[in-house]
PDB file of N, CA and C in Angstrom:
ATOM      1  N   MET A   1       2.854-125.438   7.469  1.00  0.00           N
ATOM      2  CA  MET A   1       1.740-125.469   8.344  1.00  0.00           C
ATOM      3  C   MET A   1       1.892-126.532   9.393  1.00  0.00           C
ATOM      4  N   SER A   2       2.588-127.608   9.077  1.00  0.00           N
ATOM      5  CA  SER A   2       2.739-128.709  10.065  1.00  0.00           C
ATOM      6  C   SER A   2       3.607-128.283  11.248  1.00  0.00           C
ATOM      7  N   LYS A   3       4.542-127.340  10.997  1.00  0.00           N
ATOM      8  CA  LYS A   3       5.371-126.819  12.052  1.00  0.00           C
ATOM      9  C   LYS A   3       4.500-126.041  13.046  1.00  0.00           C
ATOM     10  N   ASN A   4       3.570-125.272  12.531  1.00  0.00           N
ATOM     11  CA  ASN A   4       2.676-124.510  13.398  1.00  0.00           C
ATOM     12  C   ASN A   4       1.811-125.453  14.230  1.00  0.00           C
ATOM     13  N   ASN A   5       1.318-126.543  13.649  1.00  0.00           N
ATOM     14  CA  ASN A   5       0.534-127.477  14.366  1.00  0.00           C
ATOM     15  C   ASN A   5       1.348-128.145  15.474  1.00  0.00           C
ATOM     16  N   LYS A   6       2.584-128.461  15.216  1.00  0.00           N
ATOM     17  CA  LYS A   6       3.435-129.094  16.161  1.00  0.00           C
ATOM     18  C   LYS A   6       3.673-128.089  17.349  1.00  0.00           C
ATOM     19  N   LEU A   7       3.889-126.846  17.051  1.00  0.00           N
ATOM     20  CA  LEU A   7       4.073-125.823  18.039  1.00  0.00           C
ATOM     21  C   LEU A   7       2.828-125.627  18.878  1.00  0.00           C
ATOM     22  N   ILE A   8       1.699-125.582  18.197  1.00  0.00           N
ATOM     23  CA  ILE A   8       0.383-125.398  18.901  1.00  0.00           C
ATOM     24  C   ILE A   8       0.168-126.603  19.836  1.00  0.00           C
ATOM     25  N   ASN A   9       0.419-127.803  19.355  1.00  0.00           N
ATOM     26  CA  ASN A   9       0.207-129.001  20.129  1.00  0.00           C
ATOM     27  C   ASN A   9       1.152-129.032  21.307  1.00  0.00           C
ATOM     28  N   SER A  10       2.350-128.600  21.116  1.00  0.00           N
ATOM     29  CA  SER A  10       3.329-128.520  22.182  1.00  0.00           C
ATOM     30  C   SER A  10       2.895-127.525  23.268  1.00  0.00           C
ATOM     31  N   LEU A  11       2.455-126.374  22.852  1.00  0.00           N
ATOM     32  CA  LEU A  11       1.953-125.363  23.770  1.00  0.00           C
ATOM     33  C   LEU A  11       0.737-125.821  24.533  1.00  0.00           C
ATOM     34  N   ASN A  12      -0.168-126.505  23.842  1.00  0.00           N
ATOM     35  CA  ASN A  12      -1.321-127.045  24.461  1.00  0.00           C
ATOM     36  C   ASN A  12      -0.967-128.063  25.528  1.00  0.00           C
ATOM     37  N   GLU A  13       0.051-128.895  25.294  1.00  0.00           N
ATOM     38  CA  GLU A  13       0.536-129.865  26.246  1.00  0.00           C
ATOM     39  C   GLU A  13       1.122-129.191  27.445  1.00  0.00           C
ATOM     40  N   VAL A  14       1.880-128.124  27.250  1.00  0.00           N
ATOM     41  CA  VAL A  14       2.450-127.362  28.395  1.00  0.00           C
ATOM     42  C   VAL A  14       1.318-126.742  29.198  1.00  0.00           C
ATOM     43  N   ALA A  15       0.375-126.187  28.539  1.00  0.00           N
ATOM     44  CA  ALA A  15      -0.768-125.599  29.278  1.00  0.00           C
ATOM     45  C   ALA A  15      -1.517-126.641  30.077  1.00  0.00           C
ATOM     46  N   ARG A  16      -1.716-127.823  29.507  1.00  0.00           N
ATOM     47  CA  ARG A  16      -2.413-128.925  30.240  1.00  0.00           C
ATOM     48  C   ARG A  16      -1.589-129.280  31.488  1.00  0.00           C
ATOM     49  N   ARG A  17      -0.346-129.444  31.356  1.00  0.00           N
ATOM     50  CA  ARG A  17       0.531-129.817  32.495  1.00  0.00           C
ATOM     51  C   ARG A  17       0.475-128.722  33.523  1.00  0.00           C
ATOM     52  N   ASN A  18       0.528-127.471  33.146  1.00  0.00           N
ATOM     53  CA  ASN A  18       0.423-126.334  34.093  1.00  0.00           C
ATOM     54  C   ASN A  18      -0.893-126.309  34.810  1.00  0.00           C
ATOM     55  N   ARG A  19      -2.011-126.545  34.094  1.00  0.00           N
ATOM     56  CA  ARG A  19      -3.298-126.588  34.760  1.00  0.00           C
ATOM     57  C   ARG A  19      -3.337-127.684  35.799  1.00  0.00           C
ATOM     58  N   SER A  20      -2.861-128.867  35.439  1.00  0.00           N
ATOM     59  CA  SER A  20      -2.804-129.958  36.359  1.00  0.00           C
ATOM     60  C   SER A  20      -1.952-129.641  37.573  1.00  0.00           C
ATOM     61  N   ARG A  21      -0.809-129.038  37.379  1.00  0.00           N
ATOM     62  CA  ARG A  21       0.048-128.648  38.465  1.00  0.00           C
ATOM     63  C   ARG A  21      -0.606-127.598  39.357  1.00  0.00           C
ATOM     64  N   ASN A  22      -1.284-126.622  38.727  1.00  0.00           N
ATOM     65  CA  ASN A  22      -2.015-125.590  39.514  1.00  0.00           C
ATOM     66  C   ASN A  22      -3.126-126.147  40.360  1.00  0.00           C
ATOM     67  N   ILE A  23      -3.851-127.071  39.773  1.00  0.00           N
ATOM     68  CA  ILE A  23      -4.939-127.703  40.535  1.00  0.00           C
ATOM     69  C   ILE A  23      -4.375-128.526  41.731  1.00  0.00           C
ATOM     70  N   GLY A  24      -3.281-129.179  41.470  1.00  0.00           N
ATOM     71  CA  GLY A  24      -2.652-129.929  42.580  1.00  0.00           C
ATOM     72  C   GLY A  24      -2.157-128.979  43.666  1.00  0.00           C
ATOM     73  N   TYR A  25      -1.553-127.900  43.276  1.00  0.00           N
ATOM     74  CA  TYR A  25      -1.058-126.891  44.201  1.00  0.00           C
ATOM     75  C   TYR A  25      -2.189-126.349  45.061  1.00  0.00           C
ATOM     76  N   ALA A  26      -3.261-126.017  44.363  1.00  0.00           N
ATOM     77  CA  ALA A  26      -4.433-125.448  45.096  1.00  0.00           C
ATOM     78  C   ALA A  26      -4.942-126.477  46.068  1.00  0.00           C
ATOM     79  N   ALA A  27      -5.082-127.714  45.703  1.00  0.00           N
ATOM     80  CA  ALA A  27      -5.592-128.732  46.566  1.00  0.00           C
ATOM     81  C   ALA A  27      -4.678-128.974  47.770  1.00  0.00           C
ATOM     82  N   ASP A  28      -3.390-128.992  47.526  1.00  0.00           N
ATOM     83  CA  ASP A  28      -2.435-129.343  48.571  1.00  0.00           C
ATOM     84  C   ASP A  28      -2.067-128.132  49.460  1.00  0.00           C
ATOM     85  N   GLU A  29      -2.026-126.931  48.912  1.00  0.00           N
ATOM     86  CA  GLU A  29      -1.504-125.790  49.601  1.00  0.00           C
ATOM     87  C   GLU A  29      -2.541-124.718  49.942  1.00  0.00           C
ATOM     88  N   ILE A  30      -3.308-124.329  48.944  1.00  0.00           N
ATOM     89  CA  ILE A  30      -4.232-123.162  49.100  1.00  0.00           C
ATOM     90  C   ILE A  30      -5.419-123.528  49.941  1.00  0.00           C
ATOM     91  N   THR A  31      -6.050-124.638  49.579  1.00  0.00           N
ATOM     92  CA  THR A  31      -7.325-125.048  50.249  1.00  0.00           C
ATOM     93  C   THR A  31      -7.098-125.187  51.746  1.00  0.00           C
ATOM     94  N   PRO A  32      -6.100-125.897  52.239  1.00  0.00           N
ATOM     95  CA  PRO A  32      -5.889-125.990  53.686  1.00  0.00           C
ATOM     96  C   PRO A  32      -5.672-124.624  54.316  1.00  0.00           C
ATOM     97  N   GLN A  33      -5.011-123.693  53.605  1.00  0.00           N
ATOM     98  CA  GLN A  33      -4.815-122.351  54.184  1.00  0.00           C
ATOM     99  C   GLN A  33      -6.138-121.595  54.262  1.00  0.00           C
ATOM    100  N   ILE A  34      -6.999-121.762  53.290  1.00  0.00           N
ATOM    101  CA  ILE A  34      -8.298-121.160  53.308  1.00  0.00           C
ATOM    102  C   ILE A  34      -9.117-121.702  54.551  1.00  0.00           C
ATOM    103  N   TYR A  35      -9.095-122.969  54.668  1.00  0.00           N
ATOM    104  CA  TYR A  35      -9.819-123.597  55.842  1.00  0.00           C
ATOM    105  C   TYR A  35      -9.236-123.094  57.168  1.00  0.00           C
ATOM    106  N   ALA A  36      -7.923-122.963  57.224  1.00  0.00           N
ATOM    107  CA  ALA A  36      -7.268-122.448  58.475  1.00  0.00           C
ATOM    108  C   ALA A  36      -7.705-121.018  58.719  1.00  0.00           C
ATOM    109  N   ALA A  37      -7.744-120.208  57.715  1.00  0.00           N
ATOM    110  CA  ALA A  37      -8.207-118.794  57.928  1.00  0.00           C
ATOM    111  C   ALA A  37      -9.652-118.774  58.362  1.00  0.00           C
ATOM    112  N   ILE A  38     -10.488-119.655  57.837  1.00  0.00           N
ATOM    113  CA  ILE A  38     -11.916-119.630  58.217  1.00  0.00           C
ATOM    114  C   ILE A  38     -11.972-120.075  59.726  1.00  0.00           C
ATOM    115  N   ALA A  39     -11.221-121.151  60.050  1.00  0.00           N
ATOM    116  CA  ALA A  39     -11.228-121.666  61.454  1.00  0.00           C
ATOM    117  C   ALA A  39     -10.773-120.562  62.401  1.00  0.00           C
ATOM    118  N   LEU A  40      -9.722-119.819  62.055  1.00  0.00           N
ATOM    119  CA  LEU A  40      -9.241-118.731  62.877  1.00  0.00           C
ATOM    120  C   LEU A  40     -10.268-117.570  63.009  1.00  0.00           C
ATOM    121  N   ALA A  41     -10.919-117.268  61.902  1.00  0.00           N
ATOM    122  CA  ALA A  41     -11.949-116.246  61.928  1.00  0.00           C
ATOM    123  C   ALA A  41     -13.118-116.643  62.840  1.00  0.00           C
ATOM    124  N   LEU A  42     -13.530-117.876  62.668  1.00  0.00           N
ATOM    125  CA  LEU A  42     -14.644-118.359  63.557  1.00  0.00           C
ATOM    126  C   LEU A  42     -14.243-118.337  65.019  1.00  0.00           C
ATOM    127  N   HIS A  43     -13.025-118.715  65.299  1.00  0.00           N
ATOM    128  CA  HIS A  43     -12.553-118.709  66.658  1.00  0.00           C
ATOM    129  C   HIS A  43     -12.416-117.305  67.259  1.00  0.00           C
ATOM    130  N   ARG A  44     -11.688-116.455  66.490  1.00  0.00           N
ATOM    131  CA  ARG A  44     -11.399-115.081  66.988  1.00  0.00           C
ATOM    132  C   ARG A  44     -12.602-114.153  67.067  1.00  0.00           C
ATOM    133  N   LYS A  45     -13.413-114.236  65.987  1.00  0.00           N
ATOM    134  CA  LYS A  45     -14.568-113.289  65.870  1.00  0.00           C
ATOM    135  C   LYS A  45     -15.766-113.752  66.664  1.00  0.00           C
ATOM    136  N   TYR A  46     -15.986-115.076  66.671  1.00  0.00           N
ATOM    137  CA  TYR A  46     -17.256-115.604  67.290  1.00  0.00           C
ATOM    138  C   TYR A  46     -17.030-116.537  68.414  1.00  0.00           C
ATOM    139  N   GLY A  47     -15.742-116.759  68.806  1.00  0.00           N
ATOM    140  CA  GLY A  47     -15.484-117.630  69.967  1.00  0.00           C
ATOM    141  C   GLY A  47     -15.754-119.067  69.719  1.00  0.00           C
ATOM    142  N   PHE A  48     -15.871-119.539  68.462  1.00  0.00           N
ATOM    143  CA  PHE A  48     -16.103-120.916  68.203  1.00  0.00           C
ATOM    144  C   PHE A  48     -14.933-121.773  68.708  1.00  0.00           C
ATOM    145  N   GLY A  49     -15.244-122.885  69.335  1.00  0.00           N
ATOM    146  CA  GLY A  49     -14.236-123.834  69.743  1.00  0.00           C
ATOM    147  C   GLY A  49     -14.089-124.929  68.747  1.00  0.00           C
ATOM    148  N   TYR A  50     -13.279-125.904  69.087  1.00  0.00           N
ATOM    149  CA  TYR A  50     -12.948-126.999  68.211  1.00  0.00           C
ATOM    150  C   TYR A  50     -14.204-127.702  67.604  1.00  0.00           C
ATOM    151  N   LYS A  51     -15.134-128.102  68.484  1.00  0.00           N
ATOM    152  CA  LYS A  51     -16.360-128.826  68.031  1.00  0.00           C
ATOM    153  C   LYS A  51     -17.169-128.022  67.054  1.00  0.00           C
ATOM    154  N   ARG A  52     -17.429-126.802  67.357  1.00  0.00           N
ATOM    155  CA  ARG A  52     -18.313-126.004  66.422  1.00  0.00           C
ATOM    156  C   ARG A  52     -17.591-125.746  65.119  1.00  0.00           C
ATOM    157  N   ILE A  53     -16.285-125.474  65.181  1.00  0.00           N
ATOM    158  CA  ILE A  53     -15.519-125.320  63.898  1.00  0.00           C
ATOM    159  C   ILE A  53     -15.496-126.586  63.108  1.00  0.00           C
ATOM    160  N   ASN A  54     -15.256-127.705  63.753  1.00  0.00           N
ATOM    161  CA  ASN A  54     -15.243-128.997  63.095  1.00  0.00           C
ATOM    162  C   ASN A  54     -16.608-129.323  62.487  1.00  0.00           C
ATOM    163  N   ASP A  55     -17.722-128.979  63.215  1.00  0.00           N
ATOM    164  CA  ASP A  55     -19.034-129.224  62.658  1.00  0.00           C
ATOM    165  C   ASP A  55     -19.266-128.410  61.363  1.00  0.00           C
ATOM    166  N   VAL A  56     -18.769-127.166  61.375  1.00  0.00           N
ATOM    167  CA  VAL A  56     -18.872-126.347  60.149  1.00  0.00           C
ATOM    168  C   VAL A  56     -18.106-127.010  59.018  1.00  0.00           C
ATOM    169  N   PHE A  57     -16.887-127.492  59.271  1.00  0.00           N
ATOM    170  CA  PHE A  57     -16.090-128.129  58.202  1.00  0.00           C
ATOM    171  C   PHE A  57     -16.744-129.449  57.756  1.00  0.00           C
ATOM    172  N   VAL A  58     -17.295-130.200  58.628  1.00  0.00           N
ATOM    173  CA  VAL A  58     -17.958-131.460  58.232  1.00  0.00           C
ATOM    174  C   VAL A  58     -19.138-131.155  57.343  1.00  0.00           C
ATOM    175  N   GLU A  59     -19.948-130.140  57.699  1.00  0.00           N
ATOM    176  CA  GLU A  59     -21.113-129.747  56.906  1.00  0.00           C
ATOM    177  C   GLU A  59     -20.650-129.210  55.590  1.00  0.00           C
ATOM    178  N   SER A  60     -19.525-128.447  55.545  1.00  0.00           N
ATOM    179  CA  SER A  60     -19.089-127.915  54.249  1.00  0.00           C
ATOM    180  C   SER A  60     -18.612-129.083  53.349  1.00  0.00           C
ATOM    181  N   GLN A  61     -18.090-130.090  53.896  1.00  0.00           N
ATOM    182  CA  GLN A  61     -17.688-131.290  53.132  1.00  0.00           C
ATOM    183  C   GLN A  61     -18.880-131.998  52.626  1.00  0.00           C
ATOM    184  N   ASN A  62     -19.925-132.087  53.430  1.00  0.00           N
ATOM    185  CA  ASN A  62     -21.200-132.691  52.972  1.00  0.00           C
ATOM    186  C   ASN A  62     -21.813-131.876  51.843  1.00  0.00           C
ATOM    187  N   ILE A  63     -21.805-130.613  51.951  1.00  0.00           N
ATOM    188  CA  ILE A  63     -22.384-129.770  50.889  1.00  0.00           C
ATOM    189  C   ILE A  63     -21.545-129.901  49.607  1.00  0.00           C
ATOM    190  N   TRP A  64     -20.244-129.928  49.791  1.00  0.00           N
ATOM    191  CA  TRP A  64     -19.292-130.088  48.603  1.00  0.00           C
ATOM    192  C   TRP A  64     -19.637-131.386  47.884  1.00  0.00           C
ATOM    193  N   THR A  65     -19.767-132.504  48.631  1.00  0.00           N
ATOM    194  CA  THR A  65     -20.101-133.821  48.074  1.00  0.00           C
ATOM    195  C   THR A  65     -21.450-133.731  47.360  1.00  0.00           C
ATOM    196  N   GLU A  66     -22.451-133.164  47.967  1.00  0.00           N
ATOM    197  CA  GLU A  66     -23.744-133.045  47.367  1.00  0.00           C
ATOM    198  C   GLU A  66     -23.723-132.332  46.055  1.00  0.00           C
ATOM    199  N   PHE A  67     -23.010-131.201  45.981  1.00  0.00           N
ATOM    200  CA  PHE A  67     -22.973-130.369  44.801  1.00  0.00           C
ATOM    201  C   PHE A  67     -22.130-130.957  43.712  1.00  0.00           C
ATOM    202  N   THR A  68     -21.041-131.639  44.078  1.00  0.00           N
ATOM    203  CA  THR A  68     -20.216-132.227  43.015  1.00  0.00           C
ATOM    204  C   THR A  68     -20.893-133.455  42.454  1.00  0.00           C
ATOM    205  N   GLU A  69     -21.657-134.118  43.181  1.00  0.00           N
ATOM    206  CA  GLU A  69     -22.471-135.259  42.656  1.00  0.00           C
ATOM    207  C   GLU A  69     -23.637-134.831  41.819  1.00  0.00           C
ATOM    208  N   ASN A  70     -24.260-133.714  42.160  1.00  0.00           N
ATOM    209  CA  ASN A  70     -25.446-133.222  41.426  1.00  0.00           C
ATOM    210  C   ASN A  70     -25.112-132.304  40.312  1.00  0.00           C
ATOM    211  N   GLY A  71     -23.900-131.702  40.306  1.00  0.00           N
ATOM    212  CA  GLY A  71     -23.504-130.752  39.327  1.00  0.00           C
ATOM    213  C   GLY A  71     -24.193-129.395  39.448  1.00  0.00           C
ATOM    214  N   ASP A  72     -24.712-129.107  40.620  1.00  0.00           N
ATOM    215  CA  ASP A  72     -25.411-127.824  40.857  1.00  0.00           C
ATOM    216  C   ASP A  72     -24.369-126.695  40.979  1.00  0.00           C
ATOM    217  N   ASP A  73     -24.885-125.477  40.927  1.00  0.00           N
ATOM    218  CA  ASP A  73     -24.022-124.290  41.003  1.00  0.00           C
ATOM    219  C   ASP A  73     -24.019-123.818  42.457  1.00  0.00           C
ATOM    220  N   MET A  74     -22.994-124.260  43.220  1.00  0.00           N
ATOM    221  CA  MET A  74     -22.798-123.874  44.613  1.00  0.00           C
ATOM    222  C   MET A  74     -22.654-122.416  44.824  1.00  0.00           C
ATOM    223  N   ILE A  75     -21.929-121.763  43.924  1.00  0.00           N
ATOM    224  CA  ILE A  75     -21.631-120.326  44.098  1.00  0.00           C
ATOM    225  C   ILE A  75     -22.961-119.509  43.938  1.00  0.00           C
ATOM    226  N   LYS A  76     -23.756-119.910  42.962  1.00  0.00           N
ATOM    227  CA  LYS A  76     -25.043-119.199  42.750  1.00  0.00           C
ATOM    228  C   LYS A  76     -25.949-119.436  43.954  1.00  0.00           C
ATOM    229  N   LEU A  77     -26.041-120.639  44.479  1.00  0.00           N
ATOM    230  CA  LEU A  77     -26.883-120.934  45.581  1.00  0.00           C
ATOM    231  C   LEU A  77     -26.407-120.203  46.855  1.00  0.00           C
ATOM    232  N   CYS A  78     -25.129-120.073  47.015  1.00  0.00           N
ATOM    233  CA  CYS A  78     -24.530-119.391  48.156  1.00  0.00           C
ATOM    234  C   CYS A  78     -25.004-117.964  48.110  1.00  0.00           C
ATOM    235  N   GLU A  79     -24.949-117.300  46.953  1.00  0.00           N
ATOM    236  CA  GLU A  79     -25.434-115.930  46.820  1.00  0.00           C
ATOM    237  C   GLU A  79     -26.902-115.838  47.096  1.00  0.00           C
ATOM    238  N   GLU A  80     -27.690-116.747  46.558  1.00  0.00           N
ATOM    239  CA  GLU A  80     -29.115-116.722  46.799  1.00  0.00           C
ATOM    240  C   GLU A  80     -29.524-116.907  48.245  1.00  0.00           C
ATOM    241  N   GLU A  81     -28.858-117.800  48.954  1.00  0.00           N
ATOM    242  CA  GLU A  81     -29.167-118.101  50.320  1.00  0.00           C
ATOM    243  C   GLU A  81     -28.592-117.137  51.320  1.00  0.00           C
ATOM    244  N   THR A  82     -27.384-116.665  51.065  1.00  0.00           N
ATOM    245  CA  THR A  82     -26.659-115.816  52.052  1.00  0.00           C
ATOM    246  C   THR A  82     -26.504-114.379  51.650  1.00  0.00           C
ATOM    247  N   GLY A  83     -26.647-114.087  50.346  1.00  0.00           N
ATOM    248  CA  GLY A  83     -26.357-112.758  49.814  1.00  0.00           C
ATOM    249  C   GLY A  83     -24.862-112.508  49.609  1.00  0.00           C
ATOM    250  N   ILE A  84     -24.033-113.564  49.767  1.00  0.00           N
ATOM    251  CA  ILE A  84     -22.639-113.406  49.545  1.00  0.00           C
ATOM    252  C   ILE A  84     -22.240-113.887  48.175  1.00  0.00           C
ATOM    253  N   ASN A  85     -21.652-112.968  47.402  1.00  0.00           N
ATOM    254  CA  ASN A  85     -21.171-113.318  46.098  1.00  0.00           C
ATOM    255  C   ASN A  85     -19.698-113.691  46.185  1.00  0.00           C
ATOM    256  N   ILE A  86     -19.427-114.954  46.091  1.00  0.00           N
ATOM    257  CA  ILE A  86     -18.062-115.431  46.300  1.00  0.00           C
ATOM    258  C   ILE A  86     -17.065-114.891  45.214  1.00  0.00           C
ATOM    259  N   LEU A  87     -17.584-114.602  44.016  1.00  0.00           N
ATOM    260  CA  LEU A  87     -16.722-114.181  42.949  1.00  0.00           C
ATOM    261  C   LEU A  87     -16.553-112.682  42.933  1.00  0.00           C
ATOM    262  N   SER A  88     -17.173-111.982  43.862  1.00  0.00           N
ATOM    263  CA  SER A  88     -17.101-110.517  43.897  1.00  0.00           C
ATOM    264  C   SER A  88     -15.679-110.081  44.310  1.00  0.00           C
ATOM    265  N   THR A  89     -15.178-109.066  43.692  1.00  0.00           N
ATOM    266  CA  THR A  89     -13.908-108.487  44.063  1.00  0.00           C
ATOM    267  C   THR A  89     -14.021-107.241  44.902  1.00  0.00           C
ATOM    268  N   GLY A  90     -15.216-106.711  45.007  1.00  0.00           N
ATOM    269  CA  GLY A  90     -15.464-105.516  45.766  1.00  0.00           C
ATOM    270  C   GLY A  90     -16.038-105.841  47.139  1.00  0.00           C
ATOM    271  N   ALA A  91     -16.342-104.847  47.906  1.00  0.00           N
ATOM    272  CA  ALA A  91     -16.871-104.983  49.250  1.00  0.00           C
ATOM    273  C   ALA A  91     -18.411-104.807  49.176  1.00  0.00           C
ATOM    274  N   ASP A  92     -19.058-105.446  48.243  1.00  0.00           N
ATOM    275  CA  ASP A  92     -20.489-105.285  48.105  1.00  0.00           C
ATOM    276  C   ASP A  92     -21.313-106.403  48.730  1.00  0.00           C
ATOM    277  N   ASN A  93     -20.722-107.186  49.635  1.00  0.00           N
ATOM    278  CA  ASN A  93     -21.432-108.219  50.325  1.00  0.00           C
ATOM    279  C   ASN A  93     -22.346-107.541  51.374  1.00  0.00           C
ATOM    280  N   LYS A  94     -23.413-108.294  51.729  1.00  0.00           N
ATOM    281  CA  LYS A  94     -24.437-107.760  52.589  1.00  0.00           C
ATOM    282  C   LYS A  94     -23.954-107.452  53.998  1.00  0.00           C
ATOM    283  N   GLY A  95     -23.077-108.292  54.535  1.00  0.00           N
ATOM    284  CA  GLY A  95     -22.477-107.953  55.851  1.00  0.00           C
ATOM    285  C   GLY A  95     -23.249-108.525  57.052  1.00  0.00           C
ATOM    286  N   ASP A  96     -24.302-109.277  56.934  1.00  0.00           N
ATOM    287  CA  ASP A  96     -24.939-109.854  58.133  1.00  0.00           C
ATOM    288  C   ASP A  96     -25.070-111.280  58.045  1.00  0.00           C
TER     289      ASP A  96
END
């Protein structure tokens, strides 16, 4: 039985390292790409310039800070206020 525990503990350690690596990758690589895509969409679709796009990003950072400090559910509030379900995989968003 101790061999199984050692294997399980070893697998848990590998999983922990992978989670940490994935979070780091998301923070360093994916998040900036998401912001870039949003900036491009705001510019191309709505003609937003630097100042308006930057204002959106600053406000999003303020909201992020507020929610991480309070522990509130940002995704739920987003859906309630905008009708957009961030976790949705289909095209069932309201569209306006």
